[in-house]
PDB file of N, CA and C in Angstrom:
ATOM      1  N   MET A   1      96.772 112.288  88.988  1.00  0.00           N
ATOM      2  CA  MET A   1      97.658 112.554  90.095  1.00  0.00           C
ATOM      3  C   MET A   1      96.834 113.141  91.238  1.00  0.00           C
ATOM      4  N   THR A   2      96.934 112.524  92.390  1.00  0.00           N
ATOM      5  CA  THR A   2      96.178 112.945  93.556  1.00  0.00           C
ATOM      6  C   THR A   2      97.009 113.917  94.385  1.00  0.00           C
ATOM      7  N   ASP A   3      96.375 114.971  94.871  1.00  0.00           N
ATOM      8  CA  ASP A   3      97.068 115.892  95.764  1.00  0.00           C
ATOM      9  C   ASP A   3      97.263 115.229  97.114  1.00  0.00           C
ATOM     10  N   ILE A   4      98.336 115.642  97.799  1.00  0.00           N
ATOM     11  CA  ILE A   4      98.701 115.042  99.079  1.00  0.00           C
ATOM     12  C   ILE A   4      98.477 116.040 100.198  1.00  0.00           C
ATOM     13  N   GLY A   5      97.863 115.573 101.289  1.00  0.00           N
ATOM     14  CA  GLY A   5      97.681 116.375 102.494  1.00  0.00           C
ATOM     15  C   GLY A   5      98.320 115.659 103.670  1.00  0.00           C
ATOM     16  N   ARG A   6      98.201 116.235 104.848  1.00  0.00           N
ATOM     17  CA  ARG A   6      98.831 115.656 106.034  1.00  0.00           C
ATOM     18  C   ARG A   6      97.803 115.400 107.126  1.00  0.00           C
ATOM     19  N   LEU A   7      98.005 114.329 107.872  1.00  0.00           N
ATOM     20  CA  LEU A   7      97.271 114.072 109.103  1.00  0.00           C
ATOM     21  C   LEU A   7      98.103 114.669 110.222  1.00  0.00           C
ATOM     22  N   LYS A   8      97.474 115.416 111.107  1.00  0.00           N
ATOM     23  CA  LYS A   8      98.240 116.069 112.167  1.00  0.00           C
ATOM     24  C   LYS A   8      97.689 115.799 113.557  1.00  0.00           C
ATOM     25  N   LYS A   9      96.414 115.526 113.664  1.00  0.00           N
ATOM     26  CA  LYS A   9      95.804 115.352 114.980  1.00  0.00           C
ATOM     27  C   LYS A   9      95.716 113.881 115.350  1.00  0.00           C
ATOM     28  N   ARG A  10      95.843 113.596 116.625  1.00  0.00           N
ATOM     29  CA  ARG A  10      95.815 112.226 117.122  1.00  0.00           C
ATOM     30  C   ARG A  10      94.513 111.523 116.738  1.00  0.00           C
ATOM     31  N   ALA A  11      93.409 112.225 116.798  1.00  0.00           N
ATOM     32  CA  ALA A  11      92.113 111.633 116.457  1.00  0.00           C
ATOM     33  C   ALA A  11      92.097 111.151 115.006  1.00  0.00           C
ATOM     34  N   GLU A  12      92.772 111.858 114.117  1.00  0.00           N
ATOM     35  CA  GLU A  12      92.827 111.443 112.713  1.00  0.00           C
ATOM     36  C   GLU A  12      93.628 110.144 112.575  1.00  0.00           C
ATOM     37  N   PHE A  13      94.728 110.043 113.305  1.00  0.00           N
ATOM     38  CA  PHE A  13      95.537 108.832 113.278  1.00  0.00           C
ATOM     39  C   PHE A  13      94.744 107.647 113.835  1.00  0.00           C
ATOM     40  N   LEU A  14      94.008 107.871 114.929  1.00  0.00           N
ATOM     41  CA  LEU A  14      93.241 106.790 115.552  1.00  0.00           C
ATOM     42  C   LEU A  14      92.109 106.312 114.655  1.00  0.00           C
ATOM     43  N   ARG A  15      91.506 107.210 113.890  1.00  0.00           N
ATOM     44  CA  ARG A  15      90.419 106.829 112.995  1.00  0.00           C
ATOM     45  C   ARG A  15      90.928 105.916 111.880  1.00  0.00           C
ATOM     46  N   VAL A  16      92.146 106.134 111.424  1.00  0.00           N
ATOM     47  CA  VAL A  16      92.718 105.326 110.343  1.00  0.00           C
ATOM     48  C   VAL A  16      93.067 103.924 110.835  1.00  0.00           C
ATOM     49  N   ARG A  17      93.344 103.783 112.118  1.00  0.00           N
ATOM     50  CA  ARG A  17      93.815 102.512 112.674  1.00  0.00           C
ATOM     51  C   ARG A  17      92.882 101.349 112.384  1.00  0.00           C
ATOM     52  N   GLY A  18      91.593 101.575 112.286  1.00  0.00           N
ATOM     53  CA  GLY A  18      90.654 100.480 112.081  1.00  0.00           C
ATOM     54  C   GLY A  18      90.474 100.046 110.635  1.00  0.00           C
ATOM     55  N   GLY A  19      91.180 100.650 109.701  1.00  0.00           N
ATOM     56  CA  GLY A  19      90.983 100.353 108.285  1.00  0.00           C
ATOM     57  C   GLY A  19      91.872  99.241 107.768  1.00  0.00           C
ATOM     58  N   ALA A  20      92.092  99.241 106.463  1.00  0.00           N
ATOM     59  CA  ALA A  20      92.929  98.230 105.815  1.00  0.00           C
ATOM     60  C   ALA A  20      94.377  98.400 106.249  1.00  0.00           C
ATOM     61  N   ARG A  21      95.120  97.293 106.209  1.00  0.00           N
ATOM     62  CA  ARG A  21      96.488  97.301 106.711  1.00  0.00           C
ATOM     63  C   ARG A  21      97.355  96.438 105.811  1.00  0.00           C
ATOM     64  N   TYR A  22      98.573  96.919 105.552  1.00  0.00           N
ATOM     65  CA  TYR A  22      99.537  96.137 104.780  1.00  0.00           C
ATOM     66  C   TYR A  22     100.899  96.293 105.447  1.00  0.00           C
ATOM     67  N   THR A  23     101.574  95.166 105.676  1.00  0.00           N
ATOM     68  CA  THR A  23     102.885  95.176 106.299  1.00  0.00           C
ATOM     69  C   THR A  23     103.941  94.932 105.233  1.00  0.00           C
ATOM     70  N   ALA A  24     104.825  95.884 105.073  1.00  0.00           N
ATOM     71  CA  ALA A  24     105.953  95.789 104.150  1.00  0.00           C
ATOM     72  C   ALA A  24     107.226  95.608 104.983  1.00  0.00           C
ATOM     73  N   PRO A  25     108.336  95.217 104.357  1.00  0.00           N
ATOM     74  CA  PRO A  25     109.580  95.055 105.118  1.00  0.00           C
ATOM     75  C   PRO A  25     110.055  96.349 105.779  1.00  0.00           C
ATOM     76  N   SER A  26     109.682  97.494 105.241  1.00  0.00           N
ATOM     77  CA  SER A  26     110.211  98.742 105.767  1.00  0.00           C
ATOM     78  C   SER A  26     109.198  99.597 106.535  1.00  0.00           C
ATOM     79  N   PHE A  27     107.914  99.271 106.457  1.00  0.00           N
ATOM     80  CA  PHE A  27     106.909 100.048 107.175  1.00  0.00           C
ATOM     81  C   PHE A  27     105.600  99.283 107.214  1.00  0.00           C
ATOM     82  N   VAL A  28     104.655  99.805 107.978  1.00  0.00           N
ATOM     83  CA  VAL A  28     103.282  99.309 107.998  1.00  0.00           C
ATOM     84  C   VAL A  28     102.411 100.440 107.454  1.00  0.00           C
ATOM     85  N   LEU A  29     101.556 100.116 106.505  1.00  0.00           N
ATOM     86  CA  LEU A  29     100.636 101.107 105.940  1.00  0.00           C
ATOM     87  C   LEU A  29      99.231 100.794 106.405  1.00  0.00           C
ATOM     88  N   GLN A  30      98.571 101.796 106.955  1.00  0.00           N
ATOM     89  CA  GLN A  30      97.161 101.680 107.320  1.00  0.00           C
ATOM     90  C   GLN A  30      96.398 102.666 106.451  1.00  0.00           C
ATOM     91  N   ALA A  31      95.229 102.259 105.974  1.00  0.00           N
ATOM     92  CA  ALA A  31      94.441 103.119 105.085  1.00  0.00           C
ATOM     93  C   ALA A  31      92.967 103.028 105.448  1.00  0.00           C
ATOM     94  N   ARG A  32      92.294 104.153 105.314  1.00  0.00           N
ATOM     95  CA  ARG A  32      90.854 104.168 105.564  1.00  0.00           C
ATOM     96  C   ARG A  32      90.221 105.314 104.788  1.00  0.00           C
ATOM     97  N   LYS A  33      89.061 105.021 104.205  1.00  0.00           N
ATOM     98  CA  LYS A  33      88.321 106.061 103.475  1.00  0.00           C
ATOM     99  C   LYS A  33      87.773 107.056 104.486  1.00  0.00           C
ATOM    100  N   ARG A  34      87.882 108.341 104.138  1.00  0.00           N
ATOM    101  CA  ARG A  34      87.359 109.391 105.019  1.00  0.00           C
ATOM    102  C   ARG A  34      85.844 109.374 105.017  1.00  0.00           C
ATOM    103  N   GLU A  35      85.282 109.588 106.156  1.00  0.00           N
ATOM    104  CA  GLU A  35      83.834 109.651 106.303  1.00  0.00           C
ATOM    105  C   GLU A  35      83.356 111.057 105.942  1.00  0.00           C
ATOM    106  N   PRO A  36      82.110 111.184 105.528  1.00  0.00           N
ATOM    107  CA  PRO A  36      81.583 112.529 105.284  1.00  0.00           C
ATOM    108  C   PRO A  36      81.676 113.363 106.552  1.00  0.00           C
ATOM    109  N   CYS A  37      81.759 114.653 106.394  1.00  0.00           N
ATOM    110  CA  CYS A  37      81.953 115.551 107.525  1.00  0.00           C
ATOM    111  C   CYS A  37      80.750 115.519 108.455  1.00  0.00           C
ATOM    112  N   GLY A  38      81.054 115.602 109.736  1.00  0.00           N
ATOM    113  CA  GLY A  38      80.013 115.692 110.745  1.00  0.00           C
ATOM    114  C   GLY A  38      80.105 117.038 111.444  1.00  0.00           C
ATOM    115  N   ASP A  39      79.298 117.212 112.460  1.00  0.00           N
ATOM    116  CA  ASP A  39      79.307 118.486 113.188  1.00  0.00           C
ATOM    117  C   ASP A  39      80.569 118.653 114.019  1.00  0.00           C
ATOM    118  N   GLU A  40      81.116 117.538 114.533  1.00  0.00           N
ATOM    119  CA  GLU A  40      82.241 117.627 115.453  1.00  0.00           C
ATOM    120  C   GLU A  40      83.598 117.713 114.755  1.00  0.00           C
ATOM    121  N   GLN A  41      83.670 117.389 113.479  1.00  0.00           N
ATOM    122  CA  GLN A  41      84.966 117.436 112.790  1.00  0.00           C
ATOM    123  C   GLN A  41      84.899 118.361 111.588  1.00  0.00           C
ATOM    124  N   PRO A  42      85.964 119.139 111.379  1.00  0.00           N
ATOM    125  CA  PRO A  42      85.978 120.004 110.199  1.00  0.00           C
ATOM    126  C   PRO A  42      86.145 119.186 108.931  1.00  0.00           C
ATOM    127  N   CYS A  43      85.686 119.719 107.833  1.00  0.00           N
ATOM    128  CA  CYS A  43      85.747 119.016 106.554  1.00  0.00           C
ATOM    129  C   CYS A  43      87.141 119.080 105.947  1.00  0.00           C
ATOM    130  N   ALA A  44      87.624 117.929 105.490  1.00  0.00           N
ATOM    131  CA  ALA A  44      88.858 117.890 104.705  1.00  0.00           C
ATOM    132  C   ALA A  44      88.455 117.820 103.243  1.00  0.00           C
ATOM    133  N   ASP A  45      89.281 118.371 102.396  1.00  0.00           N
ATOM    134  CA  ASP A  45      89.004 118.374 100.965  1.00  0.00           C
ATOM    135  C   ASP A  45      88.907 116.936 100.466  1.00  0.00           C
ATOM    136  N   PRO A  46      87.784 116.516  99.887  1.00  0.00           N
ATOM    137  CA  PRO A  46      87.626 115.118  99.459  1.00  0.00           C
ATOM    138  C   PRO A  46      88.473 114.746  98.246  1.00  0.00           C
ATOM    139  N   ARG A  47      89.108 115.726  97.610  1.00  0.00           N
ATOM    140  CA  ARG A  47      89.920 115.436  96.428  1.00  0.00           C
ATOM    141  C   ARG A  47      91.370 115.129  96.766  1.00  0.00           C
ATOM    142  N   ILE A  48      91.721 115.152  98.035  1.00  0.00           N
ATOM    143  CA  ILE A  48      93.113 114.888  98.398  1.00  0.00           C
ATOM    144  C   ILE A  48      93.225 113.585  99.178  1.00  0.00           C
ATOM    145  N   ALA A  49      94.398 113.011  99.165  1.00  0.00           N
ATOM    146  CA  ALA A  49      94.734 111.873 100.016  1.00  0.00           C
ATOM    147  C   ALA A  49      95.642 112.423 101.112  1.00  0.00           C
ATOM    148  N   ARG A  50      95.346 112.099 102.364  1.00  0.00           N
ATOM    149  CA  ARG A  50      96.145 112.620 103.472  1.00  0.00           C
ATOM    150  C   ARG A  50      97.016 111.516 104.049  1.00  0.00           C
ATOM    151  N   PHE A  51      98.243 111.864 104.379  1.00  0.00           N
ATOM    152  CA  PHE A  51      99.207 110.924 104.941  1.00  0.00           C
ATOM    153  C   PHE A  51      99.646 111.395 106.314  1.00  0.00           C
ATOM    154  N   GLY A  52      99.853 110.423 107.200  1.00  0.00           N
ATOM    155  CA  GLY A  52     100.433 110.677 108.509  1.00  0.00           C
ATOM    156  C   GLY A  52     101.622 109.748 108.691  1.00  0.00           C
ATOM    157  N   PHE A  53     102.595 110.179 109.477  1.00  0.00           N
ATOM    158  CA  PHE A  53     103.827 109.415 109.666  1.00  0.00           C
ATOM    159  C   PHE A  53     104.082 109.261 111.152  1.00  0.00           C
ATOM    160  N   THR A  54     104.486 108.049 111.541  1.00  0.00           N
ATOM    161  CA  THR A  54     104.774 107.822 112.946  1.00  0.00           C
ATOM    162  C   THR A  54     105.930 106.845 113.101  1.00  0.00           C
ATOM    163  N   THR A  55     106.661 107.035 114.171  1.00  0.00           N
ATOM    164  CA  THR A  55     107.749 106.128 114.532  1.00  0.00           C
ATOM    165  C   THR A  55     107.646 105.885 116.035  1.00  0.00           C
ATOM    166  N   THR A  56     108.127 104.741 116.471  1.00  0.00           N
ATOM    167  CA  THR A  56     108.096 104.440 117.895  1.00  0.00           C
ATOM    168  C   THR A  56     109.502 104.520 118.460  1.00  0.00           C
ATOM    169  N   LYS A  57     109.595 104.667 119.760  1.00  0.00           N
ATOM    170  CA  LYS A  57     110.904 104.748 120.405  1.00  0.00           C
ATOM    171  C   LYS A  57     111.670 103.443 120.287  1.00  0.00           C
ATOM    172  N   ALA A  58     110.967 102.353 120.037  1.00  0.00           N
ATOM    173  CA  ALA A  58     111.641 101.060 119.857  1.00  0.00           C
ATOM    174  C   ALA A  58     112.533 101.062 118.613  1.00  0.00           C
ATOM    175  N   LEU A  59     112.279 101.974 117.700  1.00  0.00           N
ATOM    176  CA  LEU A  59     113.062 102.073 116.477  1.00  0.00           C
ATOM    177  C   LEU A  59     114.478 102.569 116.758  1.00  0.00           C
ATOM    178  N   GLY A  60     114.623 103.423 117.737  1.00  0.00           N
ATOM    179  CA  GLY A  60     115.945 103.955 118.081  1.00  0.00           C
ATOM    180  C   GLY A  60     115.822 105.346 118.664  1.00  0.00           C
ATOM    181  N   GLY A  61     116.954 106.034 118.702  1.00  0.00           N
ATOM    182  CA  GLY A  61     116.985 107.387 119.235  1.00  0.00           C
ATOM    183  C   GLY A  61     116.325 108.381 118.287  1.00  0.00           C
ATOM    184  N   ALA A  62     116.337 109.641 118.690  1.00  0.00           N
ATOM    185  CA  ALA A  62     115.671 110.692 117.919  1.00  0.00           C
ATOM    186  C   ALA A  62     116.250 110.822 116.511  1.00  0.00           C
ATOM    187  N   VAL A  63     117.564 110.661 116.381  1.00  0.00           N
ATOM    188  CA  VAL A  63     118.190 110.800 115.071  1.00  0.00           C
ATOM    189  C   VAL A  63     117.669 109.725 114.115  1.00  0.00           C
ATOM    190  N   VAL A  64     117.593 108.497 114.589  1.00  0.00           N
ATOM    191  CA  VAL A  64     117.118 107.386 113.759  1.00  0.00           C
ATOM    192  C   VAL A  64     115.640 107.561 113.429  1.00  0.00           C
ATOM    193  N   ARG A  65     114.835 107.939 114.413  1.00  0.00           N
ATOM    194  CA  ARG A  65     113.406 108.124 114.176  1.00  0.00           C
ATOM    195  C   ARG A  65     113.156 109.246 113.170  1.00  0.00           C
ATOM    196  N   ASN A  66     113.872 110.346 113.292  1.00  0.00           N
ATOM    197  CA  ASN A  66     113.700 111.454 112.351  1.00  0.00           C
ATOM    198  C   ASN A  66     114.150 111.074 110.948  1.00  0.00           C
ATOM    199  N   ARG A  67     115.241 110.320 110.842  1.00  0.00           N
ATOM    200  CA  ARG A  67     115.706 109.878 109.521  1.00  0.00           C
ATOM    201  C   ARG A  67     114.655 108.976 108.873  1.00  0.00           C
ATOM    202  N   ALA A  68     114.080 108.062 109.658  1.00  0.00           N
ATOM    203  CA  ALA A  68     113.046 107.161 109.130  1.00  0.00           C
ATOM    204  C   ALA A  68     111.837 107.964 108.655  1.00  0.00           C
ATOM    205  N   ARG A  69     111.421 108.933 109.446  1.00  0.00           N
ATOM    206  CA  ARG A  69     110.259 109.748 109.073  1.00  0.00           C
ATOM    207  C   ARG A  69     110.551 110.568 107.815  1.00  0.00           C
ATOM    208  N   ARG A  70     111.742 111.136 107.707  1.00  0.00           N
ATOM    209  CA  ARG A  70     112.107 111.907 106.510  1.00  0.00           C
ATOM    210  C   ARG A  70     112.120 111.031 105.257  1.00  0.00           C
ATOM    211  N   ARG A  71     112.620 109.808 105.391  1.00  0.00           N
ATOM    212  CA  ARG A  71     112.638 108.897 104.241  1.00  0.00           C
ATOM    213  C   ARG A  71     111.221 108.546 103.805  1.00  0.00           C
ATOM    214  N   LEU A  72     110.335 108.296 104.760  1.00  0.00           N
ATOM    215  CA  LEU A  72     108.947 107.984 104.419  1.00  0.00           C
ATOM    216  C   LEU A  72     108.267 109.181 103.754  1.00  0.00           C
ATOM    217  N   LYS A  73     108.500 110.377 104.273  1.00  0.00           N
ATOM    218  CA  LYS A  73     107.897 111.574 103.679  1.00  0.00           C
ATOM    219  C   LYS A  73     108.363 111.776 102.244  1.00  0.00           C
ATOM    220  N   GLU A  74     109.641 111.553 101.989  1.00  0.00           N
ATOM    221  CA  GLU A  74     110.167 111.728 100.636  1.00  0.00           C
ATOM    222  C   GLU A  74     109.602 110.664  99.695  1.00  0.00           C
ATOM    223  N   ALA A  75     109.459 109.441 100.168  1.00  0.00           N
ATOM    224  CA  ALA A  75     108.871 108.383  99.341  1.00  0.00           C
ATOM    225  C   ALA A  75     107.432 108.732  98.979  1.00  0.00           C
ATOM    226  N   VAL A  76     106.677 109.266  99.920  1.00  0.00           N
ATOM    227  CA  VAL A  76     105.295 109.664  99.643  1.00  0.00           C
ATOM    228  C   VAL A  76     105.279 110.831  98.667  1.00  0.00           C
ATOM    229  N   ARG A  77     106.190 111.766  98.826  1.00  0.00           N
ATOM    230  CA  ARG A  77     106.249 112.907  97.914  1.00  0.00           C
ATOM    231  C   ARG A  77     106.500 112.447  96.478  1.00  0.00           C
ATOM    232  N   LEU A  78     107.376 111.443  96.314  1.00  0.00           N
ATOM    233  CA  LEU A  78     107.733 110.981  94.977  1.00  0.00           C
ATOM    234  C   LEU A  78     106.702 110.030  94.369  1.00  0.00           C
ATOM    235  N   ALA A  79     106.127 109.143  95.171  1.00  0.00           N
ATOM    236  CA  ALA A  79     105.263 108.101  94.617  1.00  0.00           C
ATOM    237  C   ALA A  79     103.819 108.153  95.108  1.00  0.00           C
ATOM    238  N   GLY A  80     103.565 108.847  96.186  1.00  0.00           N
ATOM    239  CA  GLY A  80     102.228 108.836  96.772  1.00  0.00           C
ATOM    240  C   GLY A  80     101.156 109.438  95.898  1.00  0.00           C
ATOM    241  N   GLY A  81     101.468 110.520  95.210  1.00  0.00           N
ATOM    242  CA  GLY A  81     100.462 111.188  94.384  1.00  0.00           C
ATOM    243  C   GLY A  81      99.965 110.338  93.235  1.00  0.00           C
ATOM    244  N   ARG A  82     100.820 109.463  92.714  1.00  0.00           N
ATOM    245  CA  ARG A  82     100.424 108.611  91.586  1.00  0.00           C
ATOM    246  C   ARG A  82      99.597 107.404  92.032  1.00  0.00           C
ATOM    247  N   HIS A  83      99.791 106.938  93.264  1.00  0.00           N
ATOM    248  CA  HIS A  83      99.184 105.674  93.683  1.00  0.00           C
ATOM    249  C   HIS A  83      98.125 105.816  94.786  1.00  0.00           C
ATOM    250  N   ALA A  84      98.073 106.959  95.438  1.00  0.00           N
ATOM    251  CA  ALA A  84      97.078 107.157  96.490  1.00  0.00           C
ATOM    252  C   ALA A  84      95.711 107.415  95.862  1.00  0.00           C
ATOM    253  N   VAL A  85      94.674 107.144  96.629  1.00  0.00           N
ATOM    254  CA  VAL A  85      93.298 107.315  96.153  1.00  0.00           C
ATOM    255  C   VAL A  85      92.686 108.529  96.846  1.00  0.00           C
ATOM    256  N   GLU A  86      91.989 109.344  96.075  1.00  0.00           N
ATOM    257  CA  GLU A  86      91.327 110.525  96.635  1.00  0.00           C
ATOM    258  C   GLU A  86      90.361 110.109  97.740  1.00  0.00           C
ATOM    259  N   GLY A  87      90.297 110.924  98.789  1.00  0.00           N
ATOM    260  CA  GLY A  87      89.344 110.677  99.864  1.00  0.00           C
ATOM    261  C   GLY A  87      89.801 109.658 100.880  1.00  0.00           C
ATOM    262  N   TYR A  88      91.034 109.212 100.807  1.00  0.00           N
ATOM    263  CA  TYR A  88      91.561 108.239 101.767  1.00  0.00           C
ATOM    264  C   TYR A  88      92.582 108.906 102.678  1.00  0.00           C
ATOM    265  N   ASP A  89      92.663 108.386 103.897  1.00  0.00           N
ATOM    266  CA  ASP A  89      93.709 108.763 104.845  1.00  0.00           C
ATOM    267  C   ASP A  89      94.636 107.577 105.009  1.00  0.00           C
ATOM    268  N   TYR A  90      95.933 107.839 105.079  1.00  0.00           N
ATOM    269  CA  TYR A  90      96.949 106.798 105.221  1.00  0.00           C
ATOM    270  C   TYR A  90      97.857 107.134 106.397  1.00  0.00           C
ATOM    271  N   VAL A  91      98.273 106.101 107.115  1.00  0.00           N
ATOM    272  CA  VAL A  91      99.281 106.262 108.161  1.00  0.00           C
ATOM    273  C   VAL A  91     100.415 105.296 107.856  1.00  0.00           C
ATOM    274  N   LEU A  92     101.633 105.812 107.820  1.00  0.00           N
ATOM    275  CA  LEU A  92     102.833 104.999 107.628  1.00  0.00           C
ATOM    276  C   LEU A  92     103.556 104.891 108.962  1.00  0.00           C
ATOM    277  N   ILE A  93     103.757 103.664 109.412  1.00  0.00           N
ATOM    278  CA  ILE A  93     104.458 103.409 110.668  1.00  0.00           C
ATOM    279  C   ILE A  93     105.817 102.821 110.318  1.00  0.00           C
ATOM    280  N   ALA A  94     106.876 103.513 110.708  1.00  0.00           N
ATOM    281  CA  ALA A  94     108.235 103.089 110.374  1.00  0.00           C
ATOM    282  C   ALA A  94     108.598 101.802 111.118  1.00  0.00           C
ATOM    283  N   ARG A  95     109.389 100.967 110.441  1.00  0.00           N
ATOM    284  CA  ARG A  95     109.924  99.743 111.031  1.00  0.00           C
ATOM    285  C   ARG A  95     111.443  99.794 110.924  1.00  0.00           C
ATOM    286  N   ASP A  96     112.111  98.761 111.428  1.00  0.00           N
ATOM    287  CA  ASP A  96     113.574  98.724 111.404  1.00  0.00           C
ATOM    288  C   ASP A  96     114.128  98.886 109.991  1.00  0.00           C
ATOM    289  N   GLY A  97     113.464  98.318 109.008  1.00  0.00           N
ATOM    290  CA  GLY A  97     113.962  98.366 107.643  1.00  0.00           C
ATOM    291  C   GLY A  97     113.846  99.723 106.974  1.00  0.00           C
ATOM    292  N   THR A  98     113.147 100.666 107.588  1.00  0.00           N
ATOM    293  CA  THR A  98     112.942 101.971 106.958  1.00  0.00           C
ATOM    294  C   THR A  98     114.261 102.688 106.704  1.00  0.00           C
ATOM    295  N   VAL A  99     115.169 102.625 107.641  1.00  0.00           N
ATOM    296  CA  VAL A  99     116.431 103.356 107.512  1.00  0.00           C
ATOM    297  C   VAL A  99     117.450 102.562 106.701  1.00  0.00           C
ATOM    298  N   GLN A 100     117.485 101.235 106.861  1.00  0.00           N
ATOM    299  CA  GLN A 100     118.509 100.428 106.192  1.00  0.00           C
ATOM    300  C   GLN A 100     118.173 100.102 104.738  1.00  0.00           C
ATOM    301  N   ARG A 101     116.905 100.050 104.402  1.00  0.00           N
ATOM    302  CA  ARG A 101     116.494  99.614 103.064  1.00  0.00           C
ATOM    303  C   ARG A 101     116.898 100.640 102.015  1.00  0.00           C
ATOM    304  N   PRO A 102     117.399 100.200 100.856  1.00  0.00           N
ATOM    305  CA  PRO A 102     117.702 101.152  99.771  1.00  0.00           C
ATOM    306  C   PRO A 102     116.443 101.941  99.405  1.00  0.00           C
ATOM    307  N   PHE A 103     116.644 103.213  99.060  1.00  0.00           N
ATOM    308  CA  PHE A 103     115.513 104.103  98.845  1.00  0.00           C
ATOM    309  C   PHE A 103     114.622 103.650  97.696  1.00  0.00           C
ATOM    310  N   GLU A 104     115.203 103.094  96.646  1.00  0.00           N
ATOM    311  CA  GLU A 104     114.394 102.613  95.518  1.00  0.00           C
ATOM    312  C   GLU A 104     113.464 101.493  95.975  1.00  0.00           C
ATOM    313  N   GLU A 105     113.962 100.623  96.858  1.00  0.00           N
ATOM    314  CA  GLU A 105     113.128  99.536  97.398  1.00  0.00           C
ATOM    315  C   GLU A 105     112.029 100.099  98.293  1.00  0.00           C
ATOM    316  N   LEU A 106     112.333 101.146  99.030  1.00  0.00           N
ATOM    317  CA  LEU A 106     111.337 101.788  99.889  1.00  0.00           C
ATOM    318  C   LEU A 106     110.178 102.331  99.042  1.00  0.00           C
ATOM    319  N   ILE A 107     110.502 102.939  97.920  1.00  0.00           N
ATOM    320  CA  ILE A 107     109.465 103.459  97.022  1.00  0.00           C
ATOM    321  C   ILE A 107     108.645 102.311  96.433  1.00  0.00           C
ATOM    322  N   LYS A 108     109.305 101.221  96.037  1.00  0.00           N
ATOM    323  CA  LYS A 108     108.576 100.060  95.514  1.00  0.00           C
ATOM    324  C   LYS A 108     107.658  99.473  96.578  1.00  0.00           C
ATOM    325  N   ASP A 109     108.143  99.418  97.838  1.00  0.00           N
ATOM    326  CA  ASP A 109     107.304  98.940  98.938  1.00  0.00           C
ATOM    327  C   ASP A 109     106.054  99.808  99.075  1.00  0.00           C
ATOM    328  N   LEU A 110     106.231 101.120  98.971  1.00  0.00           N
ATOM    329  CA  LEU A 110     105.098 102.036  99.106  1.00  0.00           C
ATOM    330  C   LEU A 110     104.100 101.835  97.965  1.00  0.00           C
ATOM    331  N   GLU A 111     104.591 101.724  96.747  1.00  0.00           N
ATOM    332  CA  GLU A 111     103.698 101.514  95.604  1.00  0.00           C
ATOM    333  C   GLU A 111     102.921 100.206  95.752  1.00  0.00           C
ATOM    334  N   ARG A 112     103.614  99.139  96.160  1.00  0.00           N
ATOM    335  CA  ARG A 112     102.958  97.839  96.349  1.00  0.00           C
ATOM    336  C   ARG A 112     101.932  97.919  97.477  1.00  0.00           C
ATOM    337  N   ALA A 113     102.284  98.577  98.568  1.00  0.00           N
ATOM    338  CA  ALA A 113     101.376  98.679  99.716  1.00  0.00           C
ATOM    339  C   ALA A 113     100.123  99.470  99.352  1.00  0.00           C
ATOM    340  N   LEU A 114     100.279 100.569  98.629  1.00  0.00           N
ATOM    341  CA  LEU A 114      99.110 101.361  98.234  1.00  0.00           C
ATOM    342  C   LEU A 114      98.198 100.566  97.307  1.00  0.00           C
ATOM    343  N   ALA A 115      98.762  99.722  96.466  1.00  0.00           N
ATOM    344  CA  ALA A 115      97.938  98.876  95.597  1.00  0.00           C
ATOM    345  C   ALA A 115      97.214  97.807  96.414  1.00  0.00           C
ATOM    346  N   LYS A 116      97.909  97.200  97.365  1.00  0.00           N
ATOM    347  CA  LYS A 116      97.336  96.088  98.134  1.00  0.00           C
ATOM    348  C   LYS A 116      96.202  96.531  99.052  1.00  0.00           C
ATOM    349  N   VAL A 117      96.303  97.698  99.676  1.00  0.00           N
ATOM    350  CA  VAL A 117      95.249  98.098 100.608  1.00  0.00           C
ATOM    351  C   VAL A 117      93.945  98.437  99.892  1.00  0.00           C
ATOM    352  N   HIS A 118      94.013  98.640  98.574  1.00  0.00           N
ATOM    353  CA  HIS A 118      92.794  98.961  97.824  1.00  0.00           C
ATOM    354  C   HIS A 118      92.239  97.776  97.052  1.00  0.00           C
ATOM    355  N   GLU A 119      92.888  96.625  97.145  1.00  0.00           N
ATOM    356  CA  GLU A 119      92.352  95.416  96.497  1.00  0.00           C
ATOM    357  C   GLU A 119      91.130  94.953  97.271  1.00  0.00           C
ATOM    358  N   PRO A 120      90.109  94.471  96.562  1.00  0.00           N
ATOM    359  CA  PRO A 120      88.952  93.930  97.271  1.00  0.00           C
ATOM    360  C   PRO A 120      89.345  92.668  98.018  1.00  0.00           C
ATOM    361  N   LYS A 121      88.781  92.520  99.196  1.00  0.00           N
ATOM    362  CA  LYS A 121      89.081  91.336 100.000  1.00  0.00           C
ATOM    363  C   LYS A 121      88.266  90.152  99.501  1.00  0.00           C
ATOM    364  N   PRO A 122      88.867  88.948  99.446  1.00  0.00           N
ATOM    365  CA  PRO A 122      88.103  87.771  99.017  1.00  0.00           C
ATOM    366  C   PRO A 122      87.071  87.404 100.081  1.00  0.00           C
ATOM    367  N   ALA A 123      86.004  86.807  99.629  1.00  0.00           N
ATOM    368  CA  ALA A 123      84.961  86.359 100.551  1.00  0.00           C
ATOM    369  C   ALA A 123      85.515  85.268 101.460  1.00  0.00           C
ATOM    370  N   GLN A 124      85.204  85.351 102.737  1.00  0.00           N
ATOM    371  CA  GLN A 124      85.702  84.354 103.681  1.00  0.00           C
ATOM    372  C   GLN A 124      84.787  83.144 103.691  1.00  0.00           C
ATOM    373  N   LYS A 125      85.405  81.972 103.762  1.00  0.00           N
ATOM    374  CA  LYS A 125      84.648  80.737 103.836  1.00  0.00           C
ATOM    375  C   LYS A 125      84.339  80.426 105.294  1.00  0.00           C
ATOM    376  N   ARG A 126      83.231  79.746 105.489  1.00  0.00           N
ATOM    377  CA  ARG A 126      82.847  79.375 106.852  1.00  0.00           C
ATOM    378  C   ARG A 126      83.336  78.009 107.199  1.00  0.00           C
TER     379      ARG A 126
END
């Protein structure tokens, strides 16, 4: 079971953007392995997986965006520790299906997404 941490700074979210990506019906998951600490950034504990949550105004008003974010946080609390990998940062971006999708399906989406972003990519043909 992996401990869960949080991404809070914009720079942390932007660093994750360039990593692996999986689109589920209810959210988009971005994942990236944390780099070793440098002089300009403080060290995060390498034994934890950190999650960040974001919603856009296109999703709806504040009530809808907050509900979507709360649902994603609860799904990560319940399933993230079992499926996340130590030393990785994840960003969950809410989509329209985040609020409407049954919660059990949301958890299954998260488990599937965490598995998919860690699968090795097949070699590309020329």
